[in-house]
Structure formats: structure tokens, C-alpha cells
Amino acid sequence: MTTPFPVPSPPPVPCSFSAVPETRAVPRFEPLRVPGRGRLRPGRALRRGRRAPAAVLALASAALAVSSATGAGAGEVSAGAPGPHAPPVRQKPTAVRLVSAPVRIADAATVRLLRPGDRVDVIAAPGRTSLGGGGDGEARVVATGARVTGVPRPADPGPDAGVGADGGSGGERGALIVLSVPRSVATALAGAGMASQLAVVLC
């Protein structure tokens, strides 16, 4: 049996809040760390921020120092006195030229003990020389640390073997040695040998 009026459709069922998914808390997880770098603390970051201007100032001062040094001109030497902190200037020692000086020693027995390479002190003792006359005064050192380069050994004593070191007879006339000394010392040895008797002392 049909009705003269249309049957209305049932109203839609409203959505209930039970259909909305429940909210969930975010799970806790460890912070991500980049390998090789630690955490940057606020205090450390502040210190790094302070170091940056200091480094810039140091570089600027170094650049100014270099520019002032090069601006003076290459090859110029300051004529002023060195500063208090300047290193001392070392002067190269001048080479001393050595010469060979033959020296006659009064005591021949002492000369027999010498060998080339020995170091001796030459002493001038007052006494009678071959020029005659008596010597007076005190003994003095003529050469110190002289190196013996030769000790000649005479094969034949010669006719003067009986003449003593004092110009008399009955004694040895001494013995000859060769010393390596500066020229000024060689001159002093030659003069001392004419005025006095010479003796040597091993260093």
C-alpha cells in the first residue's frame, strides 16, 4: 500500500568523539652528537668569542711590524747603538801567523826529554852570555805554551863541544830546539837568547 507522502530518511548519526585517535606522548631519545666534537658550552663559546678579537689584533700588529721593517729599505744598516736586549756582536778572532823559531836551551839534558808536539814555557835566566859580562836581574817568562816542532839531534858535537853554555870550558854548550810561535814572540826569544840563558819547562 503506497502512502501519498514520501517517507523521510533517517537523520545522519553524529560522529562521536570516540572515533578520534588518542594523543600519545613523544618518546624520549638521546641527543644527536657529531663524532669528534663535544658539546659547546655557553661559557666556552663566550671565551672563544673573546679570543677572536685578540687574534685579529695580534695579526694586525705583526703586519704593521713587518711593513715598518721593510719600509726602511733593504740593505740599510742602522747606525744607532744596539738596544738593551740586542745580542752581543761576536768579533771573529784574527788568525795569528806562526813562525818557526830556533831556540838554544842551556840545559842539553832537558832538551833530550822533549819530543815534537810538546808544549813548553821558555824562561830567560840571568847569567853570563857568549858576549861576555855578567847578567843580573830576575828570571822572566819569554814564551808560554810554545809548541815544539823539532828537536835536532847533532851527529857530530863539533869543535865547540867543550865550550859551556856560559862561554867557559868544560861544559856542554846547550842544545837547539825549534818552536812554533808568533812572530813577536820569536823576536823576543832571539833577543833573550843573546842576553841571557834560556830554559824550558814542560806544560
N, C-alpha and C. Protein backbone atom coordinates (compact mmCIF):
# COMPACT_ATOMS: atom_id res chain seq x y z
N MET A 1 0.85 -1.18 0.00
CA MET A 1 0.00 0.00 0.00
C MET A 1 0.88 1.22 0.00
N THR A 2 0.72 2.08 -0.96
CA THR A 2 1.55 3.28 -1.10
C THR A 2 0.92 4.40 -0.34
N THR A 3 1.86 5.18 0.25
CA THR A 3 1.40 6.34 1.01
C THR A 3 1.48 7.55 0.14
N PRO A 4 0.59 8.50 0.33
CA PRO A 4 0.64 9.69 -0.53
C PRO A 4 1.81 10.58 -0.21
N PHE A 5 2.44 10.45 0.92
CA PHE A 5 3.57 11.33 1.29
C PHE A 5 4.85 10.51 1.35
N PRO A 6 5.99 11.10 0.90
CA PRO A 6 7.26 10.34 0.95
C PRO A 6 7.75 10.19 2.39
N VAL A 7 8.32 9.07 2.62
CA VAL A 7 8.84 8.79 3.98
C VAL A 7 10.21 9.47 4.12
N PRO A 8 10.39 10.33 5.09
CA PRO A 8 11.72 10.99 5.24
C PRO A 8 12.78 10.00 5.68
N SER A 9 13.99 10.27 5.15
CA SER A 9 15.13 9.39 5.51
C SER A 9 15.61 9.70 6.92
N PRO A 10 16.12 8.74 7.60
CA PRO A 10 16.57 8.97 8.98
C PRO A 10 17.75 9.94 9.01
N PRO A 11 17.83 10.80 10.00
CA PRO A 11 18.95 11.77 10.11
C PRO A 11 20.29 11.06 10.31
N PRO A 12 21.36 11.66 9.80
CA PRO A 12 22.68 11.01 9.96
C PRO A 12 23.12 10.97 11.42
N VAL A 13 23.75 9.93 11.72
CA VAL A 13 24.23 9.75 13.10
C VAL A 13 25.45 10.65 13.31
N PRO A 14 25.41 11.54 14.27
CA PRO A 14 26.61 12.41 14.51
C PRO A 14 27.82 11.61 14.95
N CYS A 15 29.00 12.13 14.52
CA CYS A 15 30.26 11.43 14.87
C CYS A 15 30.54 11.58 16.36
N SER A 16 30.85 10.54 16.93
CA SER A 16 31.20 10.56 18.35
C SER A 16 32.69 10.83 18.52
N PHE A 17 33.07 11.41 19.67
CA PHE A 17 34.48 11.71 19.93
C PHE A 17 35.31 10.46 20.15
N SER A 18 34.57 9.35 20.27
CA SER A 18 35.34 8.11 20.48
C SER A 18 36.06 7.68 19.23
N ALA A 19 35.68 8.22 18.04
CA ALA A 19 36.34 7.82 16.80
C ALA A 19 37.67 8.52 16.60
N VAL A 20 37.94 9.68 17.30
CA VAL A 20 39.21 10.41 17.16
C VAL A 20 40.31 9.65 17.89
N PRO A 21 41.52 9.43 17.26
CA PRO A 21 42.58 8.68 17.95
C PRO A 21 43.12 9.45 19.14
N GLU A 22 43.49 8.71 20.12
CA GLU A 22 44.01 9.32 21.34
C GLU A 22 45.41 9.90 21.11
N THR A 23 45.67 11.02 21.80
CA THR A 23 47.02 11.64 21.71
C THR A 23 48.02 10.83 22.53
N ARG A 24 49.24 10.75 22.00
CA ARG A 24 50.29 9.99 22.68
C ARG A 24 51.49 10.91 22.95
N ALA A 25 52.19 10.64 24.03
CA ALA A 25 53.37 11.43 24.40
C ALA A 25 54.55 11.10 23.49
N VAL A 26 55.39 12.12 23.23
CA VAL A 26 56.57 11.90 22.40
C VAL A 26 57.61 11.13 23.22
N PRO A 27 58.13 10.04 22.68
CA PRO A 27 59.11 9.26 23.46
C PRO A 27 60.43 10.04 23.62
N ARG A 28 61.13 9.83 24.72
CA ARG A 28 62.42 10.47 24.99
C ARG A 28 63.54 9.75 24.22
N PHE A 29 64.47 10.53 23.70
CA PHE A 29 65.59 9.94 22.96
C PHE A 29 66.84 10.78 23.26
N GLU A 30 68.00 10.14 23.06
CA GLU A 30 69.28 10.79 23.34
C GLU A 30 69.57 11.85 22.28
N PRO A 31 70.22 12.96 22.66
CA PRO A 31 70.56 13.99 21.66
C PRO A 31 71.60 13.48 20.68
N LEU A 32 71.50 13.95 19.48
CA LEU A 32 72.44 13.57 18.44
C LEU A 32 73.77 14.30 18.64
N ARG A 33 74.86 13.57 18.50
CA ARG A 33 76.20 14.13 18.67
C ARG A 33 77.02 13.87 17.42
N VAL A 34 77.70 14.92 16.97
CA VAL A 34 78.56 14.77 15.79
C VAL A 34 79.88 14.16 16.25
N PRO A 35 80.36 13.12 15.59
CA PRO A 35 81.62 12.50 16.01
C PRO A 35 82.77 13.49 15.94
N GLY A 36 83.62 13.47 17.00
CA GLY A 36 84.80 14.32 17.03
C GLY A 36 84.55 15.68 17.64
N ARG A 37 83.36 16.01 17.97
CA ARG A 37 83.07 17.32 18.56
C ARG A 37 82.24 17.13 19.82
N GLY A 38 82.61 17.85 20.81
CA GLY A 38 81.85 17.79 22.06
C GLY A 38 80.80 18.88 22.11
N ARG A 39 80.13 18.91 23.21
CA ARG A 39 79.12 19.94 23.38
C ARG A 39 79.79 21.29 23.58
N LEU A 40 79.23 22.27 22.99
CA LEU A 40 79.73 23.63 23.11
C LEU A 40 78.98 24.33 24.23
N ARG A 41 79.64 24.46 25.35
CA ARG A 41 79.01 25.09 26.49
C ARG A 41 78.94 26.60 26.28
N PRO A 42 78.01 27.25 26.94
CA PRO A 42 77.90 28.71 26.77
C PRO A 42 79.16 29.44 27.20
N GLY A 43 79.78 29.00 28.31
CA GLY A 43 80.99 29.68 28.78
C GLY A 43 82.14 29.54 27.79
N ARG A 44 82.27 28.32 27.21
CA ARG A 44 83.34 28.11 26.25
C ARG A 44 83.10 28.93 24.99
N ALA A 45 81.87 29.00 24.57
CA ALA A 45 81.56 29.80 23.38
C ALA A 45 81.87 31.27 23.63
N LEU A 46 81.62 31.74 24.87
CA LEU A 46 81.93 33.13 25.18
C LEU A 46 83.43 33.39 25.17
N ARG A 47 84.21 32.40 25.70
CA ARG A 47 85.66 32.57 25.69
C ARG A 47 86.20 32.57 24.28
N ARG A 48 85.65 31.70 23.42
CA ARG A 48 86.09 31.70 22.03
C ARG A 48 85.75 33.01 21.35
N GLY A 49 84.62 33.56 21.71
CA GLY A 49 84.26 34.84 21.12
C GLY A 49 85.21 35.95 21.53
N ARG A 50 85.77 35.84 22.76
CA ARG A 50 86.72 36.85 23.22
C ARG A 50 88.09 36.67 22.58
N ARG A 51 88.45 35.42 22.26
CA ARG A 51 89.76 35.18 21.67
C ARG A 51 89.85 35.68 20.24
N ALA A 52 88.76 35.71 19.54
CA ALA A 52 88.80 36.11 18.14
C ALA A 52 89.31 37.54 17.97
N PRO A 53 88.81 38.55 18.72
CA PRO A 53 89.37 39.91 18.56
C PRO A 53 90.84 39.98 18.94
N ALA A 54 91.25 39.22 19.96
CA ALA A 54 92.67 39.25 20.35
C ALA A 54 93.55 38.71 19.24
N ALA A 55 93.11 37.63 18.58
CA ALA A 55 93.89 37.08 17.48
C ALA A 55 93.98 38.06 16.32
N VAL A 56 92.88 38.75 16.05
CA VAL A 56 92.89 39.74 14.97
C VAL A 56 93.85 40.87 15.28
N LEU A 57 93.86 41.34 16.54
CA LEU A 57 94.78 42.40 16.92
C LEU A 57 96.24 41.95 16.82
N ALA A 58 96.51 40.69 17.20
CA ALA A 58 97.88 40.19 17.10
C ALA A 58 98.34 40.14 15.65
N LEU A 59 97.47 39.67 14.75
CA LEU A 59 97.84 39.62 13.34
C LEU A 59 98.06 41.02 12.78
N ALA A 60 97.23 41.97 13.21
CA ALA A 60 97.39 43.33 12.71
C ALA A 60 98.70 43.95 13.18
N SER A 61 99.07 43.72 14.45
CA SER A 61 100.33 44.27 14.95
C SER A 61 101.52 43.64 14.26
N ALA A 62 101.44 42.32 13.97
CA ALA A 62 102.53 41.67 13.25
C ALA A 62 102.68 42.22 11.85
N ALA A 63 101.55 42.46 11.18
CA ALA A 63 101.61 43.03 9.83
C ALA A 63 102.21 44.42 9.85
N LEU A 64 101.87 45.24 10.86
CA LEU A 64 102.45 46.58 10.96
C LEU A 64 103.95 46.53 11.21
N ALA A 65 104.38 45.57 12.04
CA ALA A 65 105.81 45.45 12.31
C ALA A 65 106.58 45.08 11.06
N VAL A 66 106.03 44.13 10.28
CA VAL A 66 106.71 43.72 9.05
C VAL A 66 106.76 44.86 8.05
N SER A 67 105.66 45.60 7.92
CA SER A 67 105.63 46.70 6.96
C SER A 67 106.59 47.81 7.35
N SER A 68 106.72 48.09 8.67
CA SER A 68 107.66 49.13 9.11
C SER A 68 109.10 48.70 8.90
N ALA A 69 109.37 47.38 9.07
CA ALA A 69 110.74 46.90 8.87
C ALA A 69 111.13 46.95 7.40
N THR A 70 110.22 46.56 6.52
CA THR A 70 110.52 46.57 5.09
C THR A 70 110.46 47.97 4.51
N GLY A 71 109.73 48.87 5.15
CA GLY A 71 109.63 50.22 4.63
C GLY A 71 110.91 51.01 4.81
N ALA A 72 111.77 50.60 5.75
CA ALA A 72 113.02 51.32 5.98
C ALA A 72 113.99 51.16 4.82
N GLY A 73 113.77 50.15 3.97
CA GLY A 73 114.64 49.94 2.82
C GLY A 73 115.55 48.76 3.05
N ALA A 74 115.67 47.90 2.03
CA ALA A 74 116.51 46.72 2.15
C ALA A 74 117.96 47.12 2.05
N GLY A 75 118.81 46.48 2.84
CA GLY A 75 120.23 46.73 2.80
C GLY A 75 120.70 47.87 3.68
N GLU A 76 119.79 48.63 4.31
CA GLU A 76 120.20 49.71 5.17
C GLU A 76 120.57 49.18 6.54
N VAL A 77 121.62 49.71 7.12
CA VAL A 77 122.10 49.30 8.43
C VAL A 77 121.93 50.46 9.38
N SER A 78 121.29 50.21 10.51
CA SER A 78 121.08 51.27 11.49
C SER A 78 122.40 51.64 12.13
N ALA A 79 122.66 52.94 12.21
CA ALA A 79 123.92 53.41 12.78
C ALA A 79 123.83 53.63 14.27
N GLY A 80 122.64 53.49 14.85
CA GLY A 80 122.48 53.72 16.27
C GLY A 80 123.06 52.60 17.09
N ALA A 81 123.15 52.83 18.38
CA ALA A 81 123.67 51.82 19.29
C ALA A 81 122.65 50.71 19.44
N PRO A 82 123.09 49.46 19.65
CA PRO A 82 122.15 48.35 19.82
C PRO A 82 121.33 48.52 21.08
N GLY A 83 120.12 47.99 21.05
CA GLY A 83 119.22 48.09 22.19
C GLY A 83 119.71 47.28 23.36
N PRO A 84 119.03 47.41 24.50
CA PRO A 84 119.47 46.67 25.69
C PRO A 84 119.31 45.18 25.55
N HIS A 85 118.36 44.75 24.70
CA HIS A 85 118.13 43.32 24.54
C HIS A 85 118.76 42.78 23.27
N ALA A 86 119.58 43.55 22.59
CA ALA A 86 120.21 43.09 21.36
C ALA A 86 121.31 42.09 21.70
N PRO A 87 121.45 41.03 20.92
CA PRO A 87 122.50 40.05 21.20
C PRO A 87 123.88 40.65 20.99
N PRO A 88 124.86 40.26 21.79
CA PRO A 88 126.21 40.82 21.63
C PRO A 88 126.82 40.42 20.30
N VAL A 89 127.53 41.36 19.71
CA VAL A 89 128.19 41.10 18.43
C VAL A 89 129.52 40.42 18.71
N ARG A 90 129.67 39.24 18.15
CA ARG A 90 130.90 38.48 18.34
C ARG A 90 131.86 38.77 17.19
N GLN A 91 133.02 39.24 17.54
CA GLN A 91 134.03 39.51 16.53
C GLN A 91 134.86 38.26 16.30
N LYS A 92 135.12 37.99 15.03
CA LYS A 92 135.91 36.83 14.69
C LYS A 92 137.37 37.07 15.08
N PRO A 93 137.97 36.12 15.78
CA PRO A 93 139.37 36.30 16.16
C PRO A 93 140.27 36.32 14.93
N THR A 94 141.19 37.25 14.92
CA THR A 94 142.11 37.33 13.80
C THR A 94 143.12 36.18 13.88
N ALA A 95 143.40 35.61 12.74
CA ALA A 95 144.34 34.49 12.69
C ALA A 95 145.76 34.99 12.94
N VAL A 96 146.45 34.33 13.86
CA VAL A 96 147.83 34.69 14.19
C VAL A 96 148.76 33.83 13.36
N ARG A 97 149.64 34.48 12.64
CA ARG A 97 150.59 33.75 11.81
C ARG A 97 151.74 33.26 12.68
N LEU A 98 152.03 31.98 12.58
CA LEU A 98 153.10 31.38 13.37
C LEU A 98 154.34 31.21 12.51
N VAL A 99 155.47 31.33 13.17
CA VAL A 99 156.76 31.14 12.50
C VAL A 99 157.57 30.12 13.31
N SER A 100 158.58 29.56 12.67
CA SER A 100 159.47 28.59 13.33
C SER A 100 160.68 29.34 13.87
N ALA A 101 160.87 29.24 15.17
CA ALA A 101 161.96 29.97 15.83
C ALA A 101 162.94 28.97 16.45
N PRO A 102 164.19 28.92 15.97
CA PRO A 102 165.19 28.07 16.62
C PRO A 102 165.66 28.72 17.93
N VAL A 103 165.63 27.96 18.99
CA VAL A 103 165.99 28.48 20.31
C VAL A 103 167.03 27.54 20.91
N ARG A 104 168.12 28.12 21.41
CA ARG A 104 169.15 27.32 22.07
C ARG A 104 168.89 27.32 23.57
N ILE A 105 168.73 26.11 24.10
CA ILE A 105 168.47 25.92 25.53
C ILE A 105 169.78 25.58 26.21
N ALA A 106 170.01 26.17 27.38
CA ALA A 106 171.28 25.98 28.07
C ALA A 106 171.46 24.55 28.55
N ASP A 107 170.40 23.92 29.03
CA ASP A 107 170.50 22.56 29.58
C ASP A 107 170.18 21.56 28.47
N ALA A 108 171.21 20.91 27.96
CA ALA A 108 171.01 19.95 26.88
C ALA A 108 170.29 18.70 27.36
N ALA A 109 170.47 18.34 28.63
CA ALA A 109 169.79 17.15 29.15
C ALA A 109 168.28 17.34 29.14
N THR A 110 167.82 18.54 29.39
CA THR A 110 166.38 18.80 29.35
C THR A 110 165.85 18.70 27.93
N VAL A 111 166.64 19.13 26.97
CA VAL A 111 166.21 19.07 25.57
C VAL A 111 166.03 17.63 25.11
N ARG A 112 166.84 16.72 25.64
CA ARG A 112 166.71 15.31 25.24
C ARG A 112 165.37 14.71 25.65
N LEU A 113 164.72 15.31 26.61
CA LEU A 113 163.41 14.81 27.05
C LEU A 113 162.26 15.30 26.18
N LEU A 114 162.51 16.27 25.33
CA LEU A 114 161.44 16.87 24.53
C LEU A 114 161.20 16.07 23.27
N ARG A 115 159.95 16.13 22.83
CA ARG A 115 159.53 15.49 21.58
C ARG A 115 158.69 16.48 20.79
N PRO A 116 158.67 16.37 19.47
CA PRO A 116 157.80 17.26 18.68
C PRO A 116 156.33 17.13 19.10
N GLY A 117 155.70 18.26 19.28
CA GLY A 117 154.32 18.30 19.75
C GLY A 117 154.18 18.69 21.20
N ASP A 118 155.29 18.68 21.97
CA ASP A 118 155.23 19.10 23.37
C ASP A 118 155.00 20.60 23.46
N ARG A 119 154.41 21.01 24.58
CA ARG A 119 154.20 22.42 24.87
C ARG A 119 155.14 22.82 26.00
N VAL A 120 155.87 23.93 25.80
CA VAL A 120 156.85 24.35 26.80
C VAL A 120 156.72 25.84 27.04
N ASP A 121 157.17 26.25 28.23
CA ASP A 121 157.37 27.66 28.56
C ASP A 121 158.86 27.95 28.52
N VAL A 122 159.22 29.03 27.87
CA VAL A 122 160.63 29.41 27.75
C VAL A 122 160.91 30.50 28.77
N ILE A 123 161.92 30.27 29.61
CA ILE A 123 162.28 31.20 30.68
C ILE A 123 163.69 31.71 30.42
N ALA A 124 163.86 33.01 30.53
CA ALA A 124 165.18 33.64 30.39
C ALA A 124 165.75 33.86 31.78
N ALA A 125 166.87 33.18 32.05
CA ALA A 125 167.52 33.30 33.35
C ALA A 125 168.76 34.18 33.21
N PRO A 126 169.00 35.06 34.17
CA PRO A 126 170.20 35.90 34.08
C PRO A 126 171.46 35.07 34.24
N GLY A 127 172.50 35.44 33.53
CA GLY A 127 173.77 34.71 33.61
C GLY A 127 174.72 35.26 32.58
N ARG A 128 175.96 34.73 32.57
CA ARG A 128 176.98 35.18 31.65
C ARG A 128 176.68 34.61 30.27
N THR A 129 176.77 35.43 29.26
CA THR A 129 176.49 35.01 27.89
C THR A 129 177.76 34.96 27.09
N SER A 130 177.61 34.56 25.84
CA SER A 130 178.77 34.47 24.96
C SER A 130 179.34 35.84 24.63
N LEU A 131 178.58 36.91 24.84
CA LEU A 131 179.06 38.26 24.57
C LEU A 131 179.94 38.77 25.69
N GLY A 132 180.02 38.02 26.78
CA GLY A 132 180.84 38.45 27.90
C GLY A 132 180.04 39.30 28.86
N GLY A 133 180.53 39.42 30.05
CA GLY A 133 179.84 40.22 31.05
C GLY A 133 178.89 39.38 31.83
N GLY A 134 178.56 39.81 32.99
CA GLY A 134 177.65 39.08 33.85
C GLY A 134 176.26 39.62 33.74
N GLY A 135 175.29 38.75 33.88
CA GLY A 135 173.90 39.16 33.81
C GLY A 135 173.32 39.30 35.21
N ASP A 136 172.38 40.18 35.36
CA ASP A 136 171.74 40.36 36.65
C ASP A 136 170.25 40.53 36.41
N GLY A 137 169.49 40.49 37.46
CA GLY A 137 168.05 40.59 37.37
C GLY A 137 167.38 39.27 37.68
N GLU A 138 166.06 39.27 37.57
CA GLU A 138 165.28 38.07 37.88
C GLU A 138 164.92 37.33 36.59
N ALA A 139 164.59 36.05 36.76
CA ALA A 139 164.17 35.25 35.61
C ALA A 139 162.79 35.71 35.15
N ARG A 140 162.56 35.66 33.86
CA ARG A 140 161.29 36.10 33.30
C ARG A 140 160.84 35.10 32.24
N VAL A 141 159.56 35.03 32.04
CA VAL A 141 158.98 34.12 31.05
C VAL A 141 158.92 34.85 29.72
N VAL A 142 159.53 34.26 28.71
CA VAL A 142 159.57 34.87 27.39
C VAL A 142 158.44 34.34 26.51
N ALA A 143 158.15 33.06 26.60
CA ALA A 143 157.10 32.44 25.78
C ALA A 143 156.35 31.43 26.64
N THR A 144 155.04 31.36 26.45
CA THR A 144 154.21 30.41 27.19
C THR A 144 153.46 29.52 26.21
N GLY A 145 153.45 28.23 26.51
CA GLY A 145 152.69 27.28 25.69
C GLY A 145 153.19 27.16 24.27
N ALA A 146 154.48 27.36 24.05
CA ALA A 146 155.04 27.22 22.70
C ALA A 146 155.10 25.75 22.31
N ARG A 147 154.74 25.46 21.07
CA ARG A 147 154.73 24.06 20.61
C ARG A 147 156.08 23.72 19.99
N VAL A 148 156.61 22.59 20.43
CA VAL A 148 157.89 22.11 19.90
C VAL A 148 157.62 21.43 18.56
N THR A 149 158.28 21.93 17.51
CA THR A 149 158.11 21.33 16.18
C THR A 149 159.32 20.51 15.75
N GLY A 150 160.45 20.72 16.40
CA GLY A 150 161.63 19.96 16.02
C GLY A 150 162.66 19.95 17.14
N VAL A 151 163.34 18.79 17.26
CA VAL A 151 164.44 18.66 18.23
C VAL A 151 165.62 18.07 17.46
N PRO A 152 166.45 18.92 16.87
CA PRO A 152 167.59 18.41 16.08
C PRO A 152 168.55 17.60 16.96
N ARG A 153 169.03 16.50 16.39
CA ARG A 153 169.99 15.66 17.09
C ARG A 153 171.32 15.75 16.33
N PRO A 154 172.25 16.52 16.81
CA PRO A 154 173.52 16.64 16.08
C PRO A 154 174.29 15.34 16.11
N ALA A 155 174.78 14.94 14.94
CA ALA A 155 175.56 13.71 14.86
C ALA A 155 176.99 13.93 15.36
N ASP A 156 177.53 15.11 15.08
CA ASP A 156 178.91 15.42 15.49
C ASP A 156 178.88 16.61 16.43
N PRO A 157 179.38 16.50 17.64
CA PRO A 157 179.37 17.64 18.55
C PRO A 157 180.10 18.85 18.00
N GLY A 158 181.14 18.64 17.18
CA GLY A 158 181.85 19.77 16.59
C GLY A 158 182.95 20.28 17.50
N PRO A 159 183.68 21.26 17.00
CA PRO A 159 184.82 21.75 17.80
C PRO A 159 184.41 22.53 19.04
N ASP A 160 183.16 22.98 19.10
CA ASP A 160 182.74 23.77 20.26
C ASP A 160 182.09 22.93 21.34
N ALA A 161 182.30 21.61 21.29
CA ALA A 161 181.64 20.75 22.26
C ALA A 161 182.14 21.01 23.67
N GLY A 162 183.39 21.47 23.78
CA GLY A 162 183.92 21.71 25.11
C GLY A 162 183.59 23.08 25.66
N VAL A 163 182.89 23.91 24.91
CA VAL A 163 182.55 25.24 25.38
C VAL A 163 181.22 25.17 26.12
N GLY A 164 181.20 25.68 27.32
CA GLY A 164 179.99 25.62 28.12
C GLY A 164 178.98 26.65 27.70
N ALA A 165 177.78 26.56 28.30
CA ALA A 165 176.71 27.50 27.98
C ALA A 165 177.03 28.90 28.45
N ASP A 166 177.93 29.03 29.44
CA ASP A 166 178.29 30.35 29.95
C ASP A 166 179.50 30.94 29.24
N GLY A 167 179.95 30.28 28.16
CA GLY A 167 181.10 30.79 27.41
C GLY A 167 182.41 30.23 27.90
N GLY A 168 182.41 29.48 28.99
CA GLY A 168 183.64 28.89 29.51
C GLY A 168 183.89 27.53 28.90
N SER A 169 184.80 26.81 29.50
CA SER A 169 185.14 25.49 29.00
C SER A 169 184.74 24.45 30.02
N GLY A 170 184.73 23.20 29.53
CA GLY A 170 184.46 22.09 30.42
C GLY A 170 183.00 21.78 30.58
N GLY A 171 182.11 22.32 29.79
CA GLY A 171 180.69 22.03 29.93
C GLY A 171 180.02 21.97 28.57
N GLU A 172 178.77 21.57 28.55
CA GLU A 172 178.02 21.50 27.31
C GLU A 172 177.60 22.89 26.88
N ARG A 173 177.46 23.05 25.57
CA ARG A 173 177.05 24.34 25.03
C ARG A 173 175.55 24.43 24.86
N GLY A 174 174.80 23.51 25.37
CA GLY A 174 173.35 23.53 25.26
C GLY A 174 172.87 22.75 24.05
N ALA A 175 171.60 22.85 23.76
CA ALA A 175 171.01 22.13 22.64
C ALA A 175 169.96 23.02 21.99
N LEU A 176 169.68 22.71 20.72
CA LEU A 176 168.79 23.54 19.92
C LEU A 176 167.43 22.86 19.79
N ILE A 177 166.37 23.66 19.89
CA ILE A 177 165.01 23.19 19.61
C ILE A 177 164.34 24.21 18.69
N VAL A 178 163.30 23.76 18.01
CA VAL A 178 162.55 24.63 17.11
C VAL A 178 161.13 24.76 17.67
N LEU A 179 160.70 26.00 17.87
CA LEU A 179 159.38 26.28 18.43
C LEU A 179 158.51 26.99 17.40
N SER A 180 157.22 26.70 17.44
CA SER A 180 156.23 27.38 16.60
C SER A 180 155.55 28.45 17.44
N VAL A 181 155.88 29.71 17.15
CA VAL A 181 155.39 30.84 17.95
C VAL A 181 155.02 31.98 17.02
N PRO A 182 154.25 32.97 17.51
CA PRO A 182 154.01 34.17 16.71
C PRO A 182 155.31 34.92 16.44
N ARG A 183 155.26 35.79 15.43
CA ARG A 183 156.48 36.50 15.04
C ARG A 183 157.01 37.39 16.17
N SER A 184 156.11 38.02 16.91
CA SER A 184 156.57 38.88 18.00
C SER A 184 157.27 38.08 19.09
N VAL A 185 156.77 36.87 19.38
CA VAL A 185 157.41 36.04 20.39
C VAL A 185 158.76 35.54 19.90
N ALA A 186 158.85 35.24 18.60
CA ALA A 186 160.13 34.81 18.04
C ALA A 186 161.19 35.90 18.17
N THR A 187 160.79 37.15 17.98
CA THR A 187 161.73 38.26 18.15
C THR A 187 162.18 38.37 19.61
N ALA A 188 161.24 38.19 20.54
CA ALA A 188 161.60 38.25 21.96
C ALA A 188 162.53 37.11 22.35
N LEU A 189 162.32 35.93 21.78
CA LEU A 189 163.20 34.79 22.08
C LEU A 189 164.61 35.03 21.55
N ALA A 190 164.71 35.60 20.35
CA ALA A 190 166.04 35.87 19.80
C ALA A 190 166.79 36.89 20.65
N GLY A 191 166.09 37.92 21.11
CA GLY A 191 166.76 38.89 21.96
C GLY A 191 167.14 38.34 23.32
N ALA A 192 166.26 37.50 23.88
CA ALA A 192 166.57 36.92 25.19
C ALA A 192 167.72 35.93 25.10
N GLY A 193 167.84 35.22 23.97
CA GLY A 193 168.94 34.28 23.83
C GLY A 193 170.29 34.95 23.73
N MET A 194 170.33 36.20 23.29
CA MET A 194 171.59 36.93 23.20
C MET A 194 172.00 37.53 24.54
N ALA A 195 171.06 37.77 25.43
CA ALA A 195 171.37 38.46 26.68
C ALA A 195 171.33 37.57 27.90
N SER A 196 170.76 36.37 27.79
CA SER A 196 170.62 35.52 28.97
C SER A 196 170.56 34.06 28.54
N GLN A 197 170.58 33.20 29.53
CA GLN A 197 170.44 31.77 29.27
C GLN A 197 168.95 31.41 29.25
N LEU A 198 168.60 30.50 28.37
CA LEU A 198 167.21 30.10 28.21
C LEU A 198 167.00 28.69 28.75
N ALA A 199 165.88 28.52 29.42
CA ALA A 199 165.48 27.21 29.94
C ALA A 199 164.04 26.96 29.55
N VAL A 200 163.63 25.70 29.56
CA VAL A 200 162.27 25.34 29.18
C VAL A 200 161.62 24.56 30.32
N VAL A 201 160.31 24.70 30.41
CA VAL A 201 159.50 23.97 31.38
C VAL A 201 158.35 23.33 30.62
N LEU A 202 158.17 22.03 30.79
CA LEU A 202 157.08 21.33 30.12
C LEU A 202 155.74 21.76 30.69
N CYS A 203 154.79 22.04 29.81
CA CYS A 203 153.46 22.45 30.25
C CYS A 203 152.63 21.23 30.63
